[in-house]
Amino acid sequence: MSAVDLVFSAGYEALEACDADEAIRILVSRNDIDLVFTDVQMPGTMDGIKLSHYIRNRWPPVRLIVASGAAILEESDLPMGSRAFSKPYDNHAITDAMAHLLSIGNTPELVS
């Protein structure tokens, strides 16, 4: 199941970006993005880790989930409040993380 399909199956609207640059363009053009689910390895000017830091600095309320199939990813590599998952990830773990992150409000520091 693709990440977009996973988000849809959990009952959320999903927007797909082909790279970090497009993800940023989408975030700039919309004010209703609550969560970004990205991969570490992606084409464009930055990887998913750099993208997550960029998003946290520019849009602090946006929740972040970052997945990686190749790199060893620790939540300490990510902005505070982000969630890290190794691939292959459990779909239920991702949807549970989305629900939790979206339920806690707009303060990233409150995410454990």
PDB file of N, CA and C in Angstrom:
ATOM      1  N   MET A   1       0.850  -1.168   0.000  1.00  0.00           N
ATOM      2  CA  MET A   1       0.000   0.000   0.000  1.00  0.00           C
ATOM      3  C   MET A   1       0.901   1.237   0.000  1.00  0.00           C
ATOM      4  N   SER A   2       0.591   2.178  -0.870  1.00  0.00           N
ATOM      5  CA  SER A   2       1.377   3.417  -0.921  1.00  0.00           C
ATOM      6  C   SER A   2       1.053   4.285   0.291  1.00  0.00           C
ATOM      7  N   ALA A   3       1.930   5.233   0.572  1.00  0.00           N
ATOM      8  CA  ALA A   3       1.701   6.153   1.693  1.00  0.00           C
ATOM      9  C   ALA A   3       0.406   6.937   1.493  1.00  0.00           C
ATOM     10  N   VAL A   4       0.157   7.376   0.264  1.00  0.00           N
ATOM     11  CA  VAL A   4      -1.069   8.125  -0.019  1.00  0.00           C
ATOM     12  C   VAL A   4      -2.292   7.253   0.245  1.00  0.00           C
ATOM     13  N   ASP A   5      -2.252   6.005  -0.219  1.00  0.00           N
ATOM     14  CA  ASP A   5      -3.365   5.087   0.024  1.00  0.00           C
ATOM     15  C   ASP A   5      -3.558   4.835   1.518  1.00  0.00           C
ATOM     16  N   LEU A   6      -2.455   4.731   2.244  1.00  0.00           N
ATOM     17  CA  LEU A   6      -2.529   4.518   3.684  1.00  0.00           C
ATOM     18  C   LEU A   6      -3.232   5.688   4.373  1.00  0.00           C
ATOM     19  N   VAL A   7      -2.870   6.902   3.986  1.00  0.00           N
ATOM     20  CA  VAL A   7      -3.493   8.098   4.567  1.00  0.00           C
ATOM     21  C   VAL A   7      -4.988   8.119   4.244  1.00  0.00           C
ATOM     22  N   PHE A   8      -5.335   7.852   2.977  1.00  0.00           N
ATOM     23  CA  PHE A   8      -6.752   7.806   2.588  1.00  0.00           C
ATOM     24  C   PHE A   8      -7.502   6.734   3.373  1.00  0.00           C
ATOM     25  N   SER A   9      -6.892   5.558   3.507  1.00  0.00           N
ATOM     26  CA  SER A   9      -7.574   4.459   4.198  1.00  0.00           C
ATOM     27  C   SER A   9      -7.822   4.778   5.671  1.00  0.00           C
ATOM     28  N   ALA A  10      -7.025   5.683   6.224  1.00  0.00           N
ATOM     29  CA  ALA A  10      -7.211   6.099   7.620  1.00  0.00           C
ATOM     30  C   ALA A  10      -8.257   7.202   7.747  1.00  0.00           C
ATOM     31  N   GLY A  11      -8.818   7.636   6.608  1.00  0.00           N
ATOM     32  CA  GLY A  11      -9.882   8.624   6.637  1.00  0.00           C
ATOM     33  C   GLY A  11      -9.438  10.067   6.503  1.00  0.00           C
ATOM     34  N   TYR A  12      -8.190  10.274   6.093  1.00  0.00           N
ATOM     35  CA  TYR A  12      -7.672  11.632   5.940  1.00  0.00           C
ATOM     36  C   TYR A  12      -7.535  11.986   4.469  1.00  0.00           C
ATOM     37  N   GLU A  13      -7.532  13.274   4.170  1.00  0.00           N
ATOM     38  CA  GLU A  13      -7.229  13.741   2.821  1.00  0.00           C
ATOM     39  C   GLU A  13      -5.720  13.677   2.645  1.00  0.00           C
ATOM     40  N   ALA A  14      -5.270  13.267   1.475  1.00  0.00           N
ATOM     41  CA  ALA A  14      -3.833  13.172   1.212  1.00  0.00           C
ATOM     42  C   ALA A  14      -3.483  13.966  -0.035  1.00  0.00           C
ATOM     43  N   LEU A  15      -2.408  14.697   0.049  1.00  0.00           N
ATOM     44  CA  LEU A  15      -1.843  15.401  -1.096  1.00  0.00           C
ATOM     45  C   LEU A  15      -0.482  14.780  -1.350  1.00  0.00           C
ATOM     46  N   GLU A  16      -0.162  14.547  -2.603  1.00  0.00           N
ATOM     47  CA  GLU A  16       1.097  13.885  -2.928  1.00  0.00           C
ATOM     48  C   GLU A  16       2.058  14.867  -3.575  1.00  0.00           C
ATOM     49  N   ALA A  17       3.304  14.842  -3.120  1.00  0.00           N
ATOM     50  CA  ALA A  17       4.365  15.668  -3.696  1.00  0.00           C
ATOM     51  C   ALA A  17       5.453  14.741  -4.217  1.00  0.00           C
ATOM     52  N   CYS A  18       6.007  15.073  -5.377  1.00  0.00           N
ATOM     53  CA  CYS A  18       7.031  14.214  -5.972  1.00  0.00           C
ATOM     54  C   CYS A  18       8.411  14.453  -5.360  1.00  0.00           C
ATOM     55  N   ASP A  19       8.611  15.594  -4.712  1.00  0.00           N
ATOM     56  CA  ASP A  19       9.890  15.898  -4.077  1.00  0.00           C
ATOM     57  C   ASP A  19       9.691  16.968  -3.008  1.00  0.00           C
ATOM     58  N   ALA A  20      10.768  17.292  -2.311  1.00  0.00           N
ATOM     59  CA  ALA A  20      10.680  18.273  -1.218  1.00  0.00           C
ATOM     60  C   ALA A  20      10.248  19.641  -1.727  1.00  0.00           C
ATOM     61  N   ASP A  21      10.731  20.024  -2.891  1.00  0.00           N
ATOM     62  CA  ASP A  21      10.372  21.333  -3.440  1.00  0.00           C
ATOM     63  C   ASP A  21       8.867  21.443  -3.667  1.00  0.00           C
ATOM     64  N   GLU A  22       8.270  20.391  -4.214  1.00  0.00           N
ATOM     65  CA  GLU A  22       6.822  20.416  -4.428  1.00  0.00           C
ATOM     66  C   GLU A  22       6.077  20.405  -3.094  1.00  0.00           C
ATOM     67  N   ALA A  23       6.582  19.661  -2.125  1.00  0.00           N
ATOM     68  CA  ALA A  23       5.951  19.654  -0.803  1.00  0.00           C
ATOM     69  C   ALA A  23       5.932  21.061  -0.213  1.00  0.00           C
ATOM     70  N   ILE A  24       7.031  21.774  -0.358  1.00  0.00           N
ATOM     71  CA  ILE A  24       7.104  23.146   0.153  1.00  0.00           C
ATOM     72  C   ILE A  24       6.129  24.044  -0.599  1.00  0.00           C
ATOM     73  N   ARG A  25       6.049  23.884  -1.922  1.00  0.00           N
ATOM     74  CA  ARG A  25       5.093  24.689  -2.699  1.00  0.00           C
ATOM     75  C   ARG A  25       3.660  24.443  -2.229  1.00  0.00           C
ATOM     76  N   ILE A  26       3.338  23.194  -1.944  1.00  0.00           N
ATOM     77  CA  ILE A  26       1.994  22.873  -1.453  1.00  0.00           C
ATOM     78  C   ILE A  26       1.760  23.533  -0.100  1.00  0.00           C
ATOM     79  N   LEU A  27       2.723  23.444   0.787  1.00  0.00           N
ATOM     80  CA  LEU A  27       2.579  24.058   2.110  1.00  0.00           C
ATOM     81  C   LEU A  27       2.433  25.571   2.015  1.00  0.00           C
ATOM     82  N   VAL A  28       3.151  26.189   1.085  1.00  0.00           N
ATOM     83  CA  VAL A  28       3.058  27.640   0.897  1.00  0.00           C
ATOM     84  C   VAL A  28       1.670  28.021   0.390  1.00  0.00           C
ATOM     85  N   SER A  29       1.102  27.195  -0.477  1.00  0.00           N
ATOM     86  CA  SER A  29      -0.157  27.552  -1.136  1.00  0.00           C
ATOM     87  C   SER A  29      -1.403  27.214  -0.324  1.00  0.00           C
ATOM     88  N   ARG A  30      -1.247  26.450   0.751  1.00  0.00           N
ATOM     89  CA  ARG A  30      -2.415  26.022   1.534  1.00  0.00           C
ATOM     90  C   ARG A  30      -2.181  26.299   3.007  1.00  0.00           C
ATOM     91  N   ASN A  31      -3.257  26.553   3.709  1.00  0.00           N
ATOM     92  CA  ASN A  31      -3.129  26.762   5.152  1.00  0.00           C
ATOM     93  C   ASN A  31      -3.872  25.694   5.951  1.00  0.00           C
ATOM     94  N   ASP A  32      -4.201  24.586   5.291  1.00  0.00           N
ATOM     95  CA  ASP A  32      -4.955  23.532   5.960  1.00  0.00           C
ATOM     96  C   ASP A  32      -4.174  22.224   6.084  1.00  0.00           C
ATOM     97  N   ILE A  33      -2.858  22.293   5.986  1.00  0.00           N
ATOM     98  CA  ILE A  33      -2.026  21.097   6.124  1.00  0.00           C
ATOM     99  C   ILE A  33      -1.687  20.928   7.604  1.00  0.00           C
ATOM    100  N   ASP A  34      -2.082  19.810   8.180  1.00  0.00           N
ATOM    101  CA  ASP A  34      -1.840  19.553   9.601  1.00  0.00           C
ATOM    102  C   ASP A  34      -0.695  18.580   9.845  1.00  0.00           C
ATOM    103  N   LEU A  35      -0.401  17.724   8.856  1.00  0.00           N
ATOM    104  CA  LEU A  35       0.602  16.690   9.050  1.00  0.00           C
ATOM    105  C   LEU A  35       1.306  16.421   7.732  1.00  0.00           C
ATOM    106  N   VAL A  36       2.609  16.207   7.793  1.00  0.00           N
ATOM    107  CA  VAL A  36       3.385  15.801   6.622  1.00  0.00           C
ATOM    108  C   VAL A  36       4.000  14.441   6.935  1.00  0.00           C
ATOM    109  N   PHE A  37       3.790  13.499   6.022  1.00  0.00           N
ATOM    110  CA  PHE A  37       4.348  12.154   6.104  1.00  0.00           C
ATOM    111  C   PHE A  37       5.325  12.048   4.945  1.00  0.00           C
ATOM    112  N   THR A  38       6.614  11.944   5.232  1.00  0.00           N
ATOM    113  CA  THR A  38       7.626  11.956   4.186  1.00  0.00           C
ATOM    114  C   THR A  38       8.612  10.815   4.363  1.00  0.00           C
ATOM    115  N   ASP A  39       9.338  10.547   3.312  1.00  0.00           N
ATOM    116  CA  ASP A  39      10.405   9.565   3.326  1.00  0.00           C
ATOM    117  C   ASP A  39      11.735  10.299   3.436  1.00  0.00           C
ATOM    118  N   VAL A  40      12.730   9.657   4.013  1.00  0.00           N
ATOM    119  CA  VAL A  40      14.060  10.274   4.076  1.00  0.00           C
ATOM    120  C   VAL A  40      14.616  10.433   2.672  1.00  0.00           C
ATOM    121  N   GLN A  41      14.555   9.361   1.887  1.00  0.00           N
ATOM    122  CA  GLN A  41      15.126   9.411   0.543  1.00  0.00           C
ATOM    123  C   GLN A  41      14.076   9.909  -0.432  1.00  0.00           C
ATOM    124  N   MET A  42      14.357  11.078  -0.995  1.00  0.00           N
ATOM    125  CA  MET A  42      13.449  11.663  -1.970  1.00  0.00           C
ATOM    126  C   MET A  42      14.253  12.546  -2.906  1.00  0.00           C
ATOM    127  N   PRO A  43      13.784  12.712  -4.131  1.00  0.00           N
ATOM    128  CA  PRO A  43      14.492  13.598  -5.057  1.00  0.00           C
ATOM    129  C   PRO A  43      14.296  15.058  -4.664  1.00  0.00           C
ATOM    130  N   GLY A  44      15.098  15.911  -5.256  1.00  0.00           N
ATOM    131  CA  GLY A  44      14.941  17.343  -5.002  1.00  0.00           C
ATOM    132  C   GLY A  44      16.120  17.919  -4.258  1.00  0.00           C
ATOM    133  N   THR A  45      15.935  19.110  -3.757  1.00  0.00           N
ATOM    134  CA  THR A  45      17.032  19.849  -3.144  1.00  0.00           C
ATOM    135  C   THR A  45      17.320  19.430  -1.711  1.00  0.00           C
ATOM    136  N   MET A  46      16.446  18.633  -1.096  1.00  0.00           N
ATOM    137  CA  MET A  46      16.700  18.186   0.271  1.00  0.00           C
ATOM    138  C   MET A  46      16.050  16.839   0.511  1.00  0.00           C
ATOM    139  N   ASP A  47      16.600  16.111   1.476  1.00  0.00           N
ATOM    140  CA  ASP A  47      16.005  14.826   1.843  1.00  0.00           C
ATOM    141  C   ASP A  47      14.897  15.051   2.874  1.00  0.00           C
ATOM    142  N   GLY A  48      14.283  13.977   3.306  1.00  0.00           N
ATOM    143  CA  GLY A  48      13.164  14.087   4.232  1.00  0.00           C
ATOM    144  C   GLY A  48      13.544  14.632   5.599  1.00  0.00           C
ATOM    145  N   ILE A  49      14.772  14.378   6.048  1.00  0.00           N
ATOM    146  CA  ILE A  49      15.208  14.921   7.336  1.00  0.00           C
ATOM    147  C   ILE A  49      15.344  16.433   7.242  1.00  0.00           C
ATOM    148  N   LYS A  50      16.005  16.906   6.194  1.00  0.00           N
ATOM    149  CA  LYS A  50      16.135  18.358   6.010  1.00  0.00           C
ATOM    150  C   LYS A  50      14.768  19.000   5.804  1.00  0.00           C
ATOM    151  N   LEU A  51      13.902  18.328   5.048  1.00  0.00           N
ATOM    152  CA  LEU A  51      12.546  18.843   4.837  1.00  0.00           C
ATOM    153  C   LEU A  51      11.807  18.967   6.166  1.00  0.00           C
ATOM    154  N   SER A  52      11.925  17.972   7.019  1.00  0.00           N
ATOM    155  CA  SER A  52      11.219  18.031   8.304  1.00  0.00           C
ATOM    156  C   SER A  52      11.702  19.209   9.149  1.00  0.00           C
ATOM    157  N   HIS A  53      12.997  19.476   9.141  1.00  0.00           N
ATOM    158  CA  HIS A  53      13.517  20.633   9.886  1.00  0.00           C
ATOM    159  C   HIS A  53      13.035  21.946   9.257  1.00  0.00           C
ATOM    160  N   TYR A  54      13.014  21.994   7.927  1.00  0.00           N
ATOM    161  CA  TYR A  54      12.532  23.196   7.237  1.00  0.00           C
ATOM    162  C   TYR A  54      11.067  23.461   7.594  1.00  0.00           C
ATOM    163  N   ILE A  55      10.264  22.405   7.550  1.00  0.00           N
ATOM    164  CA  ILE A  55       8.841  22.552   7.873  1.00  0.00           C
ATOM    165  C   ILE A  55       8.669  23.010   9.313  1.00  0.00           C
ATOM    166  N   ARG A  56       9.385  22.393  10.248  1.00  0.00           N
ATOM    167  CA  ARG A  56       9.244  22.771  11.659  1.00  0.00           C
ATOM    168  C   ARG A  56       9.604  24.246  11.866  1.00  0.00           C
ATOM    169  N   ASN A  57      10.651  24.722  11.185  1.00  0.00           N
ATOM    170  CA  ASN A  57      11.060  26.123  11.331  1.00  0.00           C
ATOM    171  C   ASN A  57      10.057  27.086  10.708  1.00  0.00           C
ATOM    172  N   ARG A  58       9.485  26.704   9.572  1.00  0.00           N
ATOM    173  CA  ARG A  58       8.588  27.621   8.854  1.00  0.00           C
ATOM    174  C   ARG A  58       7.132  27.469   9.280  1.00  0.00           C
ATOM    175  N   TRP A  59       6.715  26.261   9.572  1.00  0.00           N
ATOM    176  CA  TRP A  59       5.328  25.970   9.966  1.00  0.00           C
ATOM    177  C   TRP A  59       5.342  25.125  11.245  1.00  0.00           C
ATOM    178  N   PRO A  60       5.649  25.711  12.379  1.00  0.00           N
ATOM    179  CA  PRO A  60       5.794  24.934  13.621  1.00  0.00           C
ATOM    180  C   PRO A  60       4.613  24.037  13.989  1.00  0.00           C
ATOM    181  N   PRO A  61       3.363  24.407  13.703  1.00  0.00           N
ATOM    182  CA  PRO A  61       2.256  23.532  14.114  1.00  0.00           C
ATOM    183  C   PRO A  61       2.117  22.248  13.292  1.00  0.00           C
ATOM    184  N   VAL A  62       2.748  22.166  12.127  1.00  0.00           N
ATOM    185  CA  VAL A  62       2.592  20.986  11.270  1.00  0.00           C
ATOM    186  C   VAL A  62       3.271  19.789  11.933  1.00  0.00           C
ATOM    187  N   ARG A  63       2.518  18.700  12.061  1.00  0.00           N
ATOM    188  CA  ARG A  63       3.062  17.470  12.636  1.00  0.00           C
ATOM    189  C   ARG A  63       3.844  16.725  11.569  1.00  0.00           C
ATOM    190  N   LEU A  64       4.851  15.954  11.995  1.00  0.00           N
ATOM    191  CA  LEU A  64       5.762  15.320  11.047  1.00  0.00           C
ATOM    192  C   LEU A  64       5.945  13.839  11.354  1.00  0.00           C
ATOM    193  N   ILE A  65       5.832  13.039  10.292  1.00  0.00           N
ATOM    194  CA  ILE A  65       6.179  11.623  10.346  1.00  0.00           C
ATOM    195  C   ILE A  65       7.180  11.391   9.227  1.00  0.00           C
ATOM    196  N   VAL A  66       8.313  10.783   9.568  1.00  0.00           N
ATOM    197  CA  VAL A  66       9.374  10.538   8.593  1.00  0.00           C
ATOM    198  C   VAL A  66       9.685   9.048   8.592  1.00  0.00           C
ATOM    199  N   ALA A  67       9.717   8.462   7.397  1.00  0.00           N
ATOM    200  CA  ALA A  67      10.009   7.039   7.247  1.00  0.00           C
ATOM    201  C   ALA A  67      11.301   6.857   6.470  1.00  0.00           C
ATOM    202  N   SER A  68      11.984   5.737   6.749  1.00  0.00           N
ATOM    203  CA  SER A  68      13.228   5.446   6.042  1.00  0.00           C
ATOM    204  C   SER A  68      13.379   3.949   5.843  1.00  0.00           C
ATOM    205  N   GLY A  69      13.767   3.586   4.632  1.00  0.00           N
ATOM    206  CA  GLY A  69      14.032   2.191   4.333  1.00  0.00           C
ATOM    207  C   GLY A  69      15.502   1.861   4.321  1.00  0.00           C
ATOM    208  N   ALA A  70      16.345   2.860   4.170  1.00  0.00           N
ATOM    209  CA  ALA A  70      17.779   2.620   4.051  1.00  0.00           C
ATOM    210  C   ALA A  70      18.556   3.176   5.236  1.00  0.00           C
ATOM    211  N   ALA A  71      18.274   4.402   5.585  1.00  0.00           N
ATOM    212  CA  ALA A  71      19.025   5.060   6.657  1.00  0.00           C
ATOM    213  C   ALA A  71      18.512   4.606   8.017  1.00  0.00           C
ATOM    214  N   ILE A  72      19.423   4.539   8.964  1.00  0.00           N
ATOM    215  CA  ILE A  72      19.012   4.307  10.343  1.00  0.00           C
ATOM    216  C   ILE A  72      18.513   5.638  10.861  1.00  0.00           C
ATOM    217  N   LEU A  73      17.255   5.679  11.209  1.00  0.00           N
ATOM    218  CA  LEU A  73      16.603   6.930  11.567  1.00  0.00           C
ATOM    219  C   LEU A  73      16.214   6.913  13.035  1.00  0.00           C
ATOM    220  N   GLU A  74      16.661   7.904  13.741  1.00  0.00           N
ATOM    221  CA  GLU A  74      16.315   8.079  15.147  1.00  0.00           C
ATOM    222  C   GLU A  74      15.445   9.326  15.271  1.00  0.00           C
ATOM    223  N   GLU A  75      14.508   9.312  16.192  1.00  0.00           N
ATOM    224  CA  GLU A  75      13.679  10.500  16.388  1.00  0.00           C
ATOM    225  C   GLU A  75      14.515  11.690  16.824  1.00  0.00           C
ATOM    226  N   SER A  76      15.686  11.437  17.415  1.00  0.00           N
ATOM    227  CA  SER A  76      16.570  12.538  17.812  1.00  0.00           C
ATOM    228  C   SER A  76      17.180  13.243  16.602  1.00  0.00           C
ATOM    229  N   ASP A  77      17.134  12.616  15.412  1.00  0.00           N
ATOM    230  CA  ASP A  77      17.606  13.254  14.172  1.00  0.00           C
ATOM    231  C   ASP A  77      16.585  14.245  13.633  1.00  0.00           C
ATOM    232  N   LEU A  78      15.383  14.192  14.152  1.00  0.00           N
ATOM    233  CA  LEU A  78      14.258  14.964  13.620  1.00  0.00           C
ATOM    234  C   LEU A  78      13.890  16.101  14.567  1.00  0.00           C
ATOM    235  N   PRO A  79      13.099  17.044  14.072  1.00  0.00           N
ATOM    236  CA  PRO A  79      12.623  18.112  14.952  1.00  0.00           C
ATOM    237  C   PRO A  79      11.809  17.539  16.115  1.00  0.00           C
ATOM    238  N   MET A  80      11.817  18.251  17.223  1.00  0.00           N
ATOM    239  CA  MET A  80      11.068  17.818  18.397  1.00  0.00           C
ATOM    240  C   MET A  80       9.608  17.563  18.029  1.00  0.00           C
ATOM    241  N   GLY A  81       9.095  16.462  18.529  1.00  0.00           N
ATOM    242  CA  GLY A  81       7.700  16.134  18.286  1.00  0.00           C
ATOM    243  C   GLY A  81       7.453  15.307  17.046  1.00  0.00           C
ATOM    244  N   SER A  82       8.487  15.044  16.261  1.00  0.00           N
ATOM    245  CA  SER A  82       8.336  14.238  15.046  1.00  0.00           C
ATOM    246  C   SER A  82       8.358  12.763  15.410  1.00  0.00           C
ATOM    247  N   ARG A  83       7.813  11.954  14.523  1.00  0.00           N
ATOM    248  CA  ARG A  83       7.855  10.500  14.686  1.00  0.00           C
ATOM    249  C   ARG A  83       8.664   9.900  13.557  1.00  0.00           C
ATOM    250  N   ALA A  84       9.485   8.917  13.889  1.00  0.00           N
ATOM    251  CA  ALA A  84      10.330   8.225  12.921  1.00  0.00           C
ATOM    252  C   ALA A  84       9.887   6.769  12.823  1.00  0.00           C
ATOM    253  N   PHE A  85       9.873   6.248  11.598  1.00  0.00           N
ATOM    254  CA  PHE A  85       9.524   4.854  11.362  1.00  0.00           C
ATOM    255  C   PHE A  85      10.489   4.258  10.354  1.00  0.00           C
ATOM    256  N   SER A  86      10.924   3.029  10.622  1.00  0.00           N
ATOM    257  CA  SER A  86      11.748   2.287   9.676  1.00  0.00           C
ATOM    258  C   SER A  86      10.838   1.480   8.772  1.00  0.00           C
ATOM    259  N   LYS A  87      11.273   1.333   7.519  1.00  0.00           N
ATOM    260  CA  LYS A  87      10.528   0.500   6.573  1.00  0.00           C
ATOM    261  C   LYS A  87      11.086  -0.917   6.633  1.00  0.00           C
ATOM    262  N   PRO A  88      10.269  -1.893   6.422  1.00  0.00           N
ATOM    263  CA  PRO A  88       8.827  -1.746   6.209  1.00  0.00           C
ATOM    264  C   PRO A  88       8.144  -1.426   7.539  1.00  0.00           C
ATOM    265  N   TYR A  89       7.262  -0.462   7.494  1.00  0.00           N
ATOM    266  CA  TYR A  89       6.572  -0.067   8.713  1.00  0.00           C
ATOM    267  C   TYR A  89       5.220  -0.758   8.783  1.00  0.00           C
ATOM    268  N   ASP A  90       4.725  -0.841   9.985  1.00  0.00           N
ATOM    269  CA  ASP A  90       3.404  -1.397  10.217  1.00  0.00           C
ATOM    270  C   ASP A  90       2.376  -0.307   9.925  1.00  0.00           C
ATOM    271  N   ASN A  91       1.463  -0.571   9.007  1.00  0.00           N
ATOM    272  CA  ASN A  91       0.464   0.435   8.625  1.00  0.00           C
ATOM    273  C   ASN A  91      -0.333   0.943   9.820  1.00  0.00           C
ATOM    274  N   HIS A  92      -0.670   0.043  10.733  1.00  0.00           N
ATOM    275  CA  HIS A  92      -1.445   0.464  11.905  1.00  0.00           C
ATOM    276  C   HIS A  92      -0.626   1.388  12.801  1.00  0.00           C
ATOM    277  N   ALA A  93       0.676   1.151  12.889  1.00  0.00           N
ATOM    278  CA  ALA A  93       1.530   2.035  13.694  1.00  0.00           C
ATOM    279  C   ALA A  93       1.543   3.440  13.101  1.00  0.00           C
ATOM    280  N   ILE A  94       1.567   3.530  11.770  1.00  0.00           N
ATOM    281  CA  ILE A  94       1.555   4.844  11.114  1.00  0.00           C
ATOM    282  C   ILE A  94       0.214   5.536  11.346  1.00  0.00           C
ATOM    283  N   THR A  95      -0.882   4.826  11.126  1.00  0.00           N
ATOM    284  CA  THR A  95      -2.191   5.470  11.297  1.00  0.00           C
ATOM    285  C   THR A  95      -2.442   5.826  12.761  1.00  0.00           C
ATOM    286  N   ASP A  96      -1.947   5.006  13.683  1.00  0.00           N
ATOM    287  CA  ASP A  96      -2.055   5.355  15.105  1.00  0.00           C
ATOM    288  C   ASP A  96      -1.250   6.613  15.413  1.00  0.00           C
ATOM    289  N   ALA A  97      -0.053   6.720  14.838  1.00  0.00           N
ATOM    290  CA  ALA A  97       0.784   7.913  15.048  1.00  0.00           C
ATOM    291  C   ALA A  97       0.111   9.148  14.462  1.00  0.00           C
ATOM    292  N   MET A  98      -0.485   9.011  13.279  1.00  0.00           N
ATOM    293  CA  MET A  98      -1.196  10.149  12.684  1.00  0.00           C
ATOM    294  C   MET A  98      -2.325  10.600  13.609  1.00  0.00           C
ATOM    295  N   ALA A  99      -3.130   9.657  14.067  1.00  0.00           N
ATOM    296  CA  ALA A  99      -4.258  10.005  14.934  1.00  0.00           C
ATOM    297  C   ALA A  99      -3.764  10.668  16.215  1.00  0.00           C
ATOM    298  N   HIS A 100      -2.708  10.128  16.797  1.00  0.00           N
ATOM    299  CA  HIS A 100      -2.176  10.708  18.034  1.00  0.00           C
ATOM    300  C   HIS A 100      -1.655  12.123  17.798  1.00  0.00           C
ATOM    301  N   LEU A 101      -0.834  12.296  16.770  1.00  0.00           N
ATOM    302  CA  LEU A 101      -0.267  13.619  16.490  1.00  0.00           C
ATOM    303  C   LEU A 101      -1.354  14.646  16.207  1.00  0.00           C
ATOM    304  N   LEU A 102      -2.380  14.238  15.487  1.00  0.00           N
ATOM    305  CA  LEU A 102      -3.453  15.172  15.142  1.00  0.00           C
ATOM    306  C   LEU A 102      -4.381  15.465  16.323  1.00  0.00           C
ATOM    307  N   SER A 103      -4.332  14.636  17.343  1.00  0.00           N
ATOM    308  CA  SER A 103      -5.227  14.829  18.488  1.00  0.00           C
ATOM    309  C   SER A 103      -4.635  15.707  19.581  1.00  0.00           C
ATOM    310  N   ILE A 104      -3.344  16.002  19.517  1.00  0.00           N
ATOM    311  CA  ILE A 104      -2.703  16.668  20.656  1.00  0.00           C
ATOM    312  C   ILE A 104      -2.652  18.177  20.558  1.00  0.00           C
ATOM    313  N   GLY A 105      -3.128  18.743  19.472  1.00  0.00           N
ATOM    314  CA  GLY A 105      -3.097  20.204  19.367  1.00  0.00           C
ATOM    315  C   GLY A 105      -1.886  20.687  18.599  1.00  0.00           C
ATOM    316  N   ASN A 106      -1.649  21.978  18.647  1.00  0.00           N
ATOM    317  CA  ASN A 106      -0.637  22.613  17.804  1.00  0.00           C
ATOM    318  C   ASN A 106       0.689  22.872  18.491  1.00  0.00           C
ATOM    319  N   THR A 107       0.993  22.209  19.574  1.00  0.00           N
ATOM    320  CA  THR A 107       2.246  22.458  20.270  1.00  0.00           C
ATOM    321  C   THR A 107       3.168  21.263  20.110  1.00  0.00           C
ATOM    322  N   PRO A 108       4.162  21.325  19.197  1.00  0.00           N
ATOM    323  CA  PRO A 108       5.044  20.187  18.965  1.00  0.00           C
ATOM    324  C   PRO A 108       5.748  19.708  20.226  1.00  0.00           C
ATOM    325  N   GLU A 109       6.027  20.587  21.182  1.00  0.00           N
ATOM    326  CA  GLU A 109       6.740  20.197  22.388  1.00  0.00           C
ATOM    327  C   GLU A 109       5.953  19.199  23.231  1.00  0.00           C
ATOM    328  N   LEU A 110       4.639  19.120  23.007  1.00  0.00           N
ATOM    329  CA  LEU A 110       3.819  18.215  23.795  1.00  0.00           C
ATOM    330  C   LEU A 110       3.848  16.789  23.274  1.00  0.00           C
ATOM    331  N   VAL A 111       4.421  16.574  22.107  1.00  0.00           N
ATOM    332  CA  VAL A 111       4.448  15.241  21.514  1.00  0.00           C
ATOM    333  C   VAL A 111       5.526  14.421  22.197  1.00  0.00           C
ATOM    334  N   SER A 112       5.182  13.203  22.586  1.00  0.00           N
ATOM    335  CA  SER A 112       6.191  12.335  23.186  1.00  0.00           C
ATOM    336  C   SER A 112       6.522  11.192  22.250  1.00  0.00           C
TER     337      SER A 112
END
